Amino acid sequence: MNIKPSTTIRQDYNGFSKYCHEIDEPVILTRNGEADLVVMSIEAFRRMEARNKLQSKLLVAEKQVAEGAELLDHDQVIGNLRRKLNAAKE
């Protein structure tokens, strides 16, 4: 876990920004010795958002399977995708 005092960002924003991009993980900023904020690069944030969206979709799919939803085999999925792509081209 990366922890820095809040003075780090005030004293050297450019250096702090570079640090966040290099480590590519969230950084906890402290204030008076207590955790206060979490900062991360926009790239790390976007990846985190994408992981959260994927996890949400997987949970929905797992629930559907548990409830007995009909499953499609590989050929059905590919066929559906091809039909949709062809319809979009027209």
PDB file of N, CA and C in Angstrom:
ATOM      1  N   MET A   1       0.838  -1.174   0.000  1.00  0.00           N
ATOM      2  CA  MET A   1       0.000   0.000   0.000  1.00  0.00           C
ATOM      3  C   MET A   1       0.885   1.240   0.000  1.00  0.00           C
ATOM      4  N   ASN A   2       0.526   2.201  -0.823  1.00  0.00           N
ATOM      5  CA  ASN A   2       1.298   3.429  -0.979  1.00  0.00           C
ATOM      6  C   ASN A   2       0.652   4.535  -0.154  1.00  0.00           C
ATOM      7  N   ILE A   3       1.386   5.038   0.801  1.00  0.00           N
ATOM      8  CA  ILE A   3       0.867   6.079   1.698  1.00  0.00           C
ATOM      9  C   ILE A   3       1.809   7.273   1.662  1.00  0.00           C
ATOM     10  N   LYS A   4       1.229   8.450   1.481  1.00  0.00           N
ATOM     11  CA  LYS A   4       2.004   9.692   1.452  1.00  0.00           C
ATOM     12  C   LYS A   4       1.275  10.745   2.279  1.00  0.00           C
ATOM     13  N   PRO A   5       2.012  11.664   2.895  1.00  0.00           N
ATOM     14  CA  PRO A   5       1.347  12.774   3.581  1.00  0.00           C
ATOM     15  C   PRO A   5       0.773  13.747   2.557  1.00  0.00           C
ATOM     16  N   SER A   6      -0.291  14.433   2.939  1.00  0.00           N
ATOM     17  CA  SER A   6      -0.943  15.368   2.015  1.00  0.00           C
ATOM     18  C   SER A   6      -0.006  16.489   1.575  1.00  0.00           C
ATOM     19  N   THR A   7       1.015  16.785   2.381  1.00  0.00           N
ATOM     20  CA  THR A   7       1.952  17.840   1.996  1.00  0.00           C
ATOM     21  C   THR A   7       2.703  17.478   0.719  1.00  0.00           C
ATOM     22  N   THR A   8       2.819  16.188   0.411  1.00  0.00           N
ATOM     23  CA  THR A   8       3.521  15.753  -0.802  1.00  0.00           C
ATOM     24  C   THR A   8       2.888  16.363  -2.041  1.00  0.00           C
ATOM     25  N   ILE A   9       1.576  16.342  -2.114  1.00  0.00           N
ATOM     26  CA  ILE A   9       0.887  16.865  -3.298  1.00  0.00           C
ATOM     27  C   ILE A   9       0.958  18.393  -3.340  1.00  0.00           C
ATOM     28  N   ARG A  10       0.936  19.022  -2.175  1.00  0.00           N
ATOM     29  CA  ARG A  10       1.008  20.489  -2.133  1.00  0.00           C
ATOM     30  C   ARG A  10       2.400  20.997  -2.492  1.00  0.00           C
ATOM     31  N   GLN A  11       3.423  20.282  -2.058  1.00  0.00           N
ATOM     32  CA  GLN A  11       4.795  20.748  -2.261  1.00  0.00           C
ATOM     33  C   GLN A  11       5.324  20.454  -3.661  1.00  0.00           C
ATOM     34  N   ASP A  12       4.872  19.343  -4.265  1.00  0.00           N
ATOM     35  CA  ASP A  12       5.420  18.963  -5.575  1.00  0.00           C
ATOM     36  C   ASP A  12       4.381  18.188  -6.374  1.00  0.00           C
ATOM     37  N   TYR A  13       3.393  18.931  -6.904  1.00  0.00           N
ATOM     38  CA  TYR A  13       2.314  18.273  -7.646  1.00  0.00           C
ATOM     39  C   TYR A  13       2.856  17.461  -8.814  1.00  0.00           C
ATOM     40  N   ASN A  14       3.738  18.043  -9.610  1.00  0.00           N
ATOM     41  CA  ASN A  14       4.253  17.340 -10.786  1.00  0.00           C
ATOM     42  C   ASN A  14       4.974  16.049 -10.397  1.00  0.00           C
ATOM     43  N   GLY A  15       5.779  16.114  -9.367  1.00  0.00           N
ATOM     44  CA  GLY A  15       6.469  14.917  -8.898  1.00  0.00           C
ATOM     45  C   GLY A  15       5.496  13.869  -8.377  1.00  0.00           C
ATOM     46  N   PHE A  16       4.468  14.324  -7.655  1.00  0.00           N
ATOM     47  CA  PHE A  16       3.462  13.404  -7.133  1.00  0.00           C
ATOM     48  C   PHE A  16       2.678  12.759  -8.268  1.00  0.00           C
ATOM     49  N   SER A  17       2.320  13.555  -9.255  1.00  0.00           N
ATOM     50  CA  SER A  17       1.599  13.030 -10.419  1.00  0.00           C
ATOM     51  C   SER A  17       2.436  11.969 -11.125  1.00  0.00           C
ATOM     52  N   LYS A  18       3.697  12.266 -11.336  1.00  0.00           N
ATOM     53  CA  LYS A  18       4.598  11.303 -11.978  1.00  0.00           C
ATOM     54  C   LYS A  18       4.668  10.012 -11.158  1.00  0.00           C
ATOM     55  N   TYR A  19       4.769  10.141  -9.837  1.00  0.00           N
ATOM     56  CA  TYR A  19       4.814   8.984  -8.944  1.00  0.00           C
ATOM     57  C   TYR A  19       3.553   8.128  -9.109  1.00  0.00           C
ATOM     58  N   CYS A  20       2.380   8.770  -9.131  1.00  0.00           N
ATOM     59  CA  CYS A  20       1.115   8.038  -9.283  1.00  0.00           C
ATOM     60  C   CYS A  20       1.063   7.274 -10.610  1.00  0.00           C
ATOM     61  N   HIS A  21       1.551   7.898 -11.672  1.00  0.00           N
ATOM     62  CA  HIS A  21       1.554   7.236 -12.979  1.00  0.00           C
ATOM     63  C   HIS A  21       2.557   6.085 -13.004  1.00  0.00           C
ATOM     64  N   GLU A  22       3.676   6.257 -12.356  1.00  0.00           N
ATOM     65  CA  GLU A  22       4.709   5.212 -12.364  1.00  0.00           C
ATOM     66  C   GLU A  22       4.293   3.975 -11.572  1.00  0.00           C
ATOM     67  N   ILE A  23       3.726   4.177 -10.392  1.00  0.00           N
ATOM     68  CA  ILE A  23       3.365   3.008  -9.579  1.00  0.00           C
ATOM     69  C   ILE A  23       2.061   2.386 -10.055  1.00  0.00           C
ATOM     70  N   ASP A  24       1.223   3.196 -10.737  1.00  0.00           N
ATOM     71  CA  ASP A  24       0.001   2.707 -11.359  1.00  0.00           C
ATOM     72  C   ASP A  24      -0.930   2.016 -10.363  1.00  0.00           C
ATOM     73  N   GLU A  25      -0.970   2.525  -9.136  1.00  0.00           N
ATOM     74  CA  GLU A  25      -1.836   2.010  -8.079  1.00  0.00           C
ATOM     75  C   GLU A  25      -2.365   3.192  -7.276  1.00  0.00           C
ATOM     76  N   PRO A  26      -3.413   2.985  -6.517  1.00  0.00           N
ATOM     77  CA  PRO A  26      -3.907   4.065  -5.660  1.00  0.00           C
ATOM     78  C   PRO A  26      -2.883   4.469  -4.602  1.00  0.00           C
ATOM     79  N   VAL A  27      -2.895   5.745  -4.254  1.00  0.00           N
ATOM     80  CA  VAL A  27      -2.026   6.286  -3.211  1.00  0.00           C
ATOM     81  C   VAL A  27      -2.931   6.886  -2.135  1.00  0.00           C
ATOM     82  N   ILE A  28      -2.698   6.504  -0.902  1.00  0.00           N
ATOM     83  CA  ILE A  28      -3.468   7.045   0.217  1.00  0.00           C
ATOM     84  C   ILE A  28      -2.746   8.294   0.718  1.00  0.00           C
ATOM     85  N   LEU A  29      -3.488   9.392   0.801  1.00  0.00           N
ATOM     86  CA  LEU A  29      -2.940  10.631   1.355  1.00  0.00           C
ATOM     87  C   LEU A  29      -3.415  10.754   2.792  1.00  0.00           C
ATOM     88  N   THR A  30      -2.479  11.101   3.659  1.00  0.00           N
ATOM     89  CA  THR A  30      -2.827  11.262   5.067  1.00  0.00           C
ATOM     90  C   THR A  30      -2.905  12.733   5.426  1.00  0.00           C
ATOM     91  N   ARG A  31      -3.695  13.015   6.440  1.00  0.00           N
ATOM     92  CA  ARG A  31      -3.828  14.366   6.973  1.00  0.00           C
ATOM     93  C   ARG A  31      -3.757  14.229   8.484  1.00  0.00           C
ATOM     94  N   ASN A  32      -2.788  14.878   9.071  1.00  0.00           N
ATOM     95  CA  ASN A  32      -2.555  14.771  10.513  1.00  0.00           C
ATOM     96  C   ASN A  32      -2.364  13.319  10.935  1.00  0.00           C
ATOM     97  N   GLY A  33      -1.695  12.561  10.077  1.00  0.00           N
ATOM     98  CA  GLY A  33      -1.375  11.179  10.401  1.00  0.00           C
ATOM     99  C   GLY A  33      -2.491  10.181  10.173  1.00  0.00           C
ATOM    100  N   GLU A  34      -3.648  10.644   9.704  1.00  0.00           N
ATOM    101  CA  GLU A  34      -4.796   9.766   9.459  1.00  0.00           C
ATOM    102  C   GLU A  34      -5.091   9.705   7.967  1.00  0.00           C
ATOM    103  N   ALA A  35      -5.504   8.541   7.484  1.00  0.00           N
ATOM    104  CA  ALA A  35      -5.883   8.402   6.079  1.00  0.00           C
ATOM    105  C   ALA A  35      -7.013   9.372   5.770  1.00  0.00           C
ATOM    106  N   ASP A  36      -6.896  10.078   4.641  1.00  0.00           N
ATOM    107  CA  ASP A  36      -7.876  11.101   4.299  1.00  0.00           C
ATOM    108  C   ASP A  36      -8.424  10.937   2.889  1.00  0.00           C
ATOM    109  N   LEU A  37      -7.549  10.732   1.909  1.00  0.00           N
ATOM    110  CA  LEU A  37      -7.955  10.642   0.513  1.00  0.00           C
ATOM    111  C   LEU A  37      -7.221   9.503  -0.182  1.00  0.00           C
ATOM    112  N   VAL A  38      -7.806   9.051  -1.287  1.00  0.00           N
ATOM    113  CA  VAL A  38      -7.130   8.086  -2.157  1.00  0.00           C
ATOM    114  C   VAL A  38      -7.021   8.725  -3.532  1.00  0.00           C
ATOM    115  N   VAL A  39      -5.811   8.702  -4.105  1.00  0.00           N
ATOM    116  CA  VAL A  39      -5.539   9.322  -5.394  1.00  0.00           C
ATOM    117  C   VAL A  39      -4.923   8.276  -6.307  1.00  0.00           C
ATOM    118  N   MET A  40      -5.305   8.311  -7.590  1.00  0.00           N
ATOM    119  CA  MET A  40      -4.712   7.390  -8.565  1.00  0.00           C
ATOM    120  C   MET A  40      -4.711   8.048  -9.938  1.00  0.00           C
ATOM    121  N   SER A  41      -3.901   7.502 -10.827  1.00  0.00           N
ATOM    122  CA  SER A  41      -3.866   8.021 -12.190  1.00  0.00           C
ATOM    123  C   SER A  41      -5.192   7.719 -12.872  1.00  0.00           C
ATOM    124  N   ILE A  42      -5.506   8.473 -13.893  1.00  0.00           N
ATOM    125  CA  ILE A  42      -6.758   8.259 -14.623  1.00  0.00           C
ATOM    126  C   ILE A  42      -6.764   6.881 -15.279  1.00  0.00           C
ATOM    127  N   GLU A  43      -5.601   6.422 -15.714  1.00  0.00           N
ATOM    128  CA  GLU A  43      -5.521   5.088 -16.325  1.00  0.00           C
ATOM    129  C   GLU A  43      -5.882   4.007 -15.314  1.00  0.00           C
ATOM    130  N   ALA A  44      -5.342   4.113 -14.111  1.00  0.00           N
ATOM    131  CA  ALA A  44      -5.651   3.137 -13.058  1.00  0.00           C
ATOM    132  C   ALA A  44      -7.136   3.197 -12.704  1.00  0.00           C
ATOM    133  N   PHE A  45      -7.687   4.406 -12.669  1.00  0.00           N
ATOM    134  CA  PHE A  45      -9.106   4.569 -12.361  1.00  0.00           C
ATOM    135  C   PHE A  45      -9.975   3.921 -13.427  1.00  0.00           C
ATOM    136  N   ARG A  46      -9.644   4.122 -14.695  1.00  0.00           N
ATOM    137  CA  ARG A  46     -10.437   3.537 -15.787  1.00  0.00           C
ATOM    138  C   ARG A  46     -10.381   2.008 -15.761  1.00  0.00           C
ATOM    139  N   ARG A  47      -9.203   1.466 -15.460  1.00  0.00           N
ATOM    140  CA  ARG A  47      -9.096   0.006 -15.339  1.00  0.00           C
ATOM    141  C   ARG A  47      -9.948  -0.516 -14.186  1.00  0.00           C
ATOM    142  N   MET A  48      -9.935   0.215 -13.078  1.00  0.00           N
ATOM    143  CA  MET A  48     -10.743  -0.176 -11.931  1.00  0.00           C
ATOM    144  C   MET A  48     -12.235  -0.147 -12.289  1.00  0.00           C
ATOM    145  N   GLU A  49     -12.664   0.893 -13.001  1.00  0.00           N
ATOM    146  CA  GLU A  49     -14.056   0.978 -13.436  1.00  0.00           C
ATOM    147  C   GLU A  49     -14.419  -0.185 -14.349  1.00  0.00           C
ATOM    148  N   ALA A  50     -13.532  -0.518 -15.289  1.00  0.00           N
ATOM    149  CA  ALA A  50     -13.790  -1.620 -16.216  1.00  0.00           C
ATOM    150  C   ALA A  50     -13.897  -2.944 -15.461  1.00  0.00           C
ATOM    151  N   ARG A  51     -13.015  -3.155 -14.482  1.00  0.00           N
ATOM    152  CA  ARG A  51     -13.084  -4.385 -13.666  1.00  0.00           C
ATOM    153  C   ARG A  51     -14.404  -4.449 -12.906  1.00  0.00           C
ATOM    154  N   ASN A  52     -14.835  -3.328 -12.352  1.00  0.00           N
ATOM    155  CA  ASN A  52     -16.093  -3.294 -11.603  1.00  0.00           C
ATOM    156  C   ASN A  52     -17.283  -3.603 -12.505  1.00  0.00           C
ATOM    157  N   LYS A  53     -17.290  -3.038 -13.707  1.00  0.00           N
ATOM    158  CA  LYS A  53     -18.387  -3.308 -14.649  1.00  0.00           C
ATOM    159  C   LYS A  53     -18.399  -4.778 -15.056  1.00  0.00           C
ATOM    160  N   LEU A  54     -17.226  -5.324 -15.341  1.00  0.00           N
ATOM    161  CA  LEU A  54     -17.141  -6.734 -15.716  1.00  0.00           C
ATOM    162  C   LEU A  54     -17.609  -7.626 -14.575  1.00  0.00           C
ATOM    163  N   GLN A  55     -17.172  -7.321 -13.364  1.00  0.00           N
ATOM    164  CA  GLN A  55     -17.587  -8.117 -12.205  1.00  0.00           C
ATOM    165  C   GLN A  55     -19.105  -8.067 -12.032  1.00  0.00           C
ATOM    166  N   SER A  56     -19.696  -6.913 -12.235  1.00  0.00           N
ATOM    167  CA  SER A  56     -21.145  -6.770 -12.127  1.00  0.00           C
ATOM    168  C   SER A  56     -21.851  -7.633 -13.169  1.00  0.00           C
ATOM    169  N   LYS A  57     -21.354  -7.611 -14.396  1.00  0.00           N
ATOM    170  CA  LYS A  57     -21.955  -8.424 -15.464  1.00  0.00           C
ATOM    171  C   LYS A  57     -21.795  -9.921 -15.172  1.00  0.00           C
ATOM    172  N   LEU A  58     -20.646 -10.301 -14.633  1.00  0.00           N
ATOM    173  CA  LEU A  58     -20.420 -11.709 -14.298  1.00  0.00           C
ATOM    174  C   LEU A  58     -21.360 -12.164 -13.188  1.00  0.00           C
ATOM    175  N   LEU A  59     -21.609 -11.303 -12.210  1.00  0.00           N
ATOM    176  CA  LEU A  59     -22.541 -11.651 -11.138  1.00  0.00           C
ATOM    177  C   LEU A  59     -23.950 -11.862 -11.680  1.00  0.00           C
ATOM    178  N   VAL A  60     -24.366 -11.014 -12.618  1.00  0.00           N
ATOM    179  CA  VAL A  60     -25.683 -11.170 -13.236  1.00  0.00           C
ATOM    180  C   VAL A  60     -25.737 -12.493 -13.990  1.00  0.00           C
ATOM    181  N   ALA A  61     -24.691 -12.802 -14.754  1.00  0.00           N
ATOM    182  CA  ALA A  61     -24.656 -14.046 -15.516  1.00  0.00           C
ATOM    183  C   ALA A  61     -24.681 -15.261 -14.595  1.00  0.00           C
ATOM    184  N   GLU A  62     -23.916 -15.204 -13.504  1.00  0.00           N
ATOM    185  CA  GLU A  62     -23.912 -16.317 -12.553  1.00  0.00           C
ATOM    186  C   GLU A  62     -25.291 -16.527 -11.943  1.00  0.00           C
ATOM    187  N   LYS A  63     -25.976 -15.428 -11.662  1.00  0.00           N
ATOM    188  CA  LYS A  63     -27.336 -15.531 -11.108  1.00  0.00           C
ATOM    189  C   LYS A  63     -28.273 -16.154 -12.130  1.00  0.00           C
ATOM    190  N   GLN A  64     -28.156 -15.752 -13.387  1.00  0.00           N
ATOM    191  CA  GLN A  64     -29.003 -16.306 -14.433  1.00  0.00           C
ATOM    192  C   GLN A  64     -28.776 -17.811 -14.575  1.00  0.00           C
ATOM    193  N   VAL A  65     -27.523 -18.236 -14.537  1.00  0.00           N
ATOM    194  CA  VAL A  65     -27.201 -19.658 -14.645  1.00  0.00           C
ATOM    195  C   VAL A  65     -27.776 -20.406 -13.444  1.00  0.00           C
ATOM    196  N   ALA A  66     -27.621 -19.853 -12.252  1.00  0.00           N
ATOM    197  CA  ALA A  66     -28.137 -20.495 -11.041  1.00  0.00           C
ATOM    198  C   ALA A  66     -29.654 -20.636 -11.078  1.00  0.00           C
ATOM    199  N   GLU A  67     -30.309 -19.694 -11.761  1.00  0.00           N
ATOM    200  CA  GLU A  67     -31.764 -19.733 -11.863  1.00  0.00           C
ATOM    201  C   GLU A  67     -32.237 -20.580 -13.038  1.00  0.00           C
ATOM    202  N   GLY A  68     -31.294 -21.204 -13.743  1.00  0.00           N
ATOM    203  CA  GLY A  68     -31.656 -22.114 -14.828  1.00  0.00           C
ATOM    204  C   GLY A  68     -31.858 -21.474 -16.187  1.00  0.00           C
ATOM    205  N   ALA A  69     -31.295 -20.300 -16.393  1.00  0.00           N
ATOM    206  CA  ALA A  69     -31.427 -19.642 -17.700  1.00  0.00           C
ATOM    207  C   ALA A  69     -30.814 -20.518 -18.785  1.00  0.00           C
ATOM    208  N   GLU A  70     -31.408 -20.431 -19.975  1.00  0.00           N
ATOM    209  CA  GLU A  70     -30.909 -21.214 -21.106  1.00  0.00           C
ATOM    210  C   GLU A  70     -29.521 -20.714 -21.511  1.00  0.00           C
ATOM    211  N   LEU A  71     -28.602 -21.636 -21.709  1.00  0.00           N
ATOM    212  CA  LEU A  71     -27.247 -21.291 -22.123  1.00  0.00           C
ATOM    213  C   LEU A  71     -27.105 -21.471 -23.624  1.00  0.00           C
ATOM    214  N   LEU A  72     -26.288 -20.636 -24.235  1.00  0.00           N
ATOM    215  CA  LEU A  72     -26.011 -20.731 -25.663  1.00  0.00           C
ATOM    216  C   LEU A  72     -24.646 -21.373 -25.858  1.00  0.00           C
ATOM    217  N   ASP A  73     -24.535 -22.191 -26.895  1.00  0.00           N
ATOM    218  CA  ASP A  73     -23.208 -22.746 -27.170  1.00  0.00           C
ATOM    219  C   ASP A  73     -22.430 -21.774 -28.049  1.00  0.00           C
ATOM    220  N   HIS A  74     -21.178 -22.072 -28.254  1.00  0.00           N
ATOM    221  CA  HIS A  74     -20.269 -21.194 -28.991  1.00  0.00           C
ATOM    222  C   HIS A  74     -20.814 -20.843 -30.373  1.00  0.00           C
ATOM    223  N   ASP A  75     -21.292 -21.822 -31.106  1.00  0.00           N
ATOM    224  CA  ASP A  75     -21.785 -21.572 -32.468  1.00  0.00           C
ATOM    225  C   ASP A  75     -22.989 -20.624 -32.466  1.00  0.00           C
ATOM    226  N   GLN A  76     -23.862 -20.759 -31.470  1.00  0.00           N
ATOM    227  CA  GLN A  76     -25.013 -19.863 -31.388  1.00  0.00           C
ATOM    228  C   GLN A  76     -24.567 -18.421 -31.123  1.00  0.00           C
ATOM    229  N   VAL A  77     -23.628 -18.266 -30.230  1.00  0.00           N
ATOM    230  CA  VAL A  77     -23.135 -16.925 -29.897  1.00  0.00           C
ATOM    231  C   VAL A  77     -22.481 -16.278 -31.111  1.00  0.00           C
ATOM    232  N   ILE A  78     -21.600 -17.001 -31.780  1.00  0.00           N
ATOM    233  CA  ILE A  78     -20.915 -16.465 -32.962  1.00  0.00           C
ATOM    234  C   ILE A  78     -21.929 -16.141 -34.054  1.00  0.00           C
ATOM    235  N   GLY A  79     -22.909 -17.013 -34.253  1.00  0.00           N
ATOM    236  CA  GLY A  79     -23.949 -16.763 -35.254  1.00  0.00           C
ATOM    237  C   GLY A  79     -24.725 -15.498 -34.947  1.00  0.00           C
ATOM    238  N   ASN A  80     -25.090 -15.305 -33.677  1.00  0.00           N
ATOM    239  CA  ASN A  80     -25.811 -14.088 -33.281  1.00  0.00           C
ATOM    240  C   ASN A  80     -24.971 -12.839 -33.525  1.00  0.00           C
ATOM    241  N   LEU A  81     -23.691 -12.906 -33.174  1.00  0.00           N
ATOM    242  CA  LEU A  81     -22.804 -11.760 -33.396  1.00  0.00           C
ATOM    243  C   LEU A  81     -22.664 -11.441 -34.884  1.00  0.00           C
ATOM    244  N   ARG A  82     -22.521 -12.470 -35.693  1.00  0.00           N
ATOM    245  CA  ARG A  82     -22.386 -12.236 -37.151  1.00  0.00           C
ATOM    246  C   ARG A  82     -23.641 -11.611 -37.729  1.00  0.00           C
ATOM    247  N   ARG A  83     -24.807 -12.083 -37.296  1.00  0.00           N
ATOM    248  CA  ARG A  83     -26.067 -11.505 -37.784  1.00  0.00           C
ATOM    249  C   ARG A  83     -26.162 -10.028 -37.392  1.00  0.00           C
ATOM    250  N   LYS A  84     -25.787  -9.717 -36.167  1.00  0.00           N
ATOM    251  CA  LYS A  84     -25.850  -8.327 -35.712  1.00  0.00           C
ATOM    252  C   LYS A  84     -24.871  -7.447 -36.478  1.00  0.00           C
ATOM    253  N   LEU A  85     -23.665  -7.962 -36.719  1.00  0.00           N
ATOM    254  CA  LEU A  85     -22.669  -7.201 -37.495  1.00  0.00           C
ATOM    255  C   LEU A  85     -23.142  -6.975 -38.925  1.00  0.00           C
ATOM    256  N   ASN A  86     -23.694  -8.000 -39.529  1.00  0.00           N
ATOM    257  CA  ASN A  86     -24.191  -7.874 -40.907  1.00  0.00           C
ATOM    258  C   ASN A  86     -25.348  -6.904 -40.980  1.00  0.00           C
ATOM    259  N   ALA A  87     -26.227  -6.934 -40.003  1.00  0.00           N
ATOM    260  CA  ALA A  87     -27.367  -6.002 -39.984  1.00  0.00           C
ATOM    261  C   ALA A  87     -26.877  -4.568 -39.798  1.00  0.00           C
ATOM    262  N   ALA A  88     -25.829  -4.372 -39.045  1.00  0.00           N
ATOM    263  CA  ALA A  88     -25.285  -3.028 -38.820  1.00  0.00           C
ATOM    264  C   ALA A  88     -24.635  -2.468 -40.086  1.00  0.00           C
ATOM    265  N   LYS A  89     -24.119  -3.344 -40.929  1.00  0.00           N
ATOM    266  CA  LYS A  89     -23.472  -2.916 -42.179  1.00  0.00           C
ATOM    267  C   LYS A  89     -24.501  -2.441 -43.197  1.00  0.00           C
ATOM    268  N   GLU A  90     -25.709  -2.937 -43.094  1.00  0.00           N
ATOM    269  CA  GLU A  90     -26.742  -2.612 -44.097  1.00  0.00           C
ATOM    270  C   GLU A  90     -27.356  -1.280 -43.901  1.00  0.00           C
TER     271      GLU A  90
END
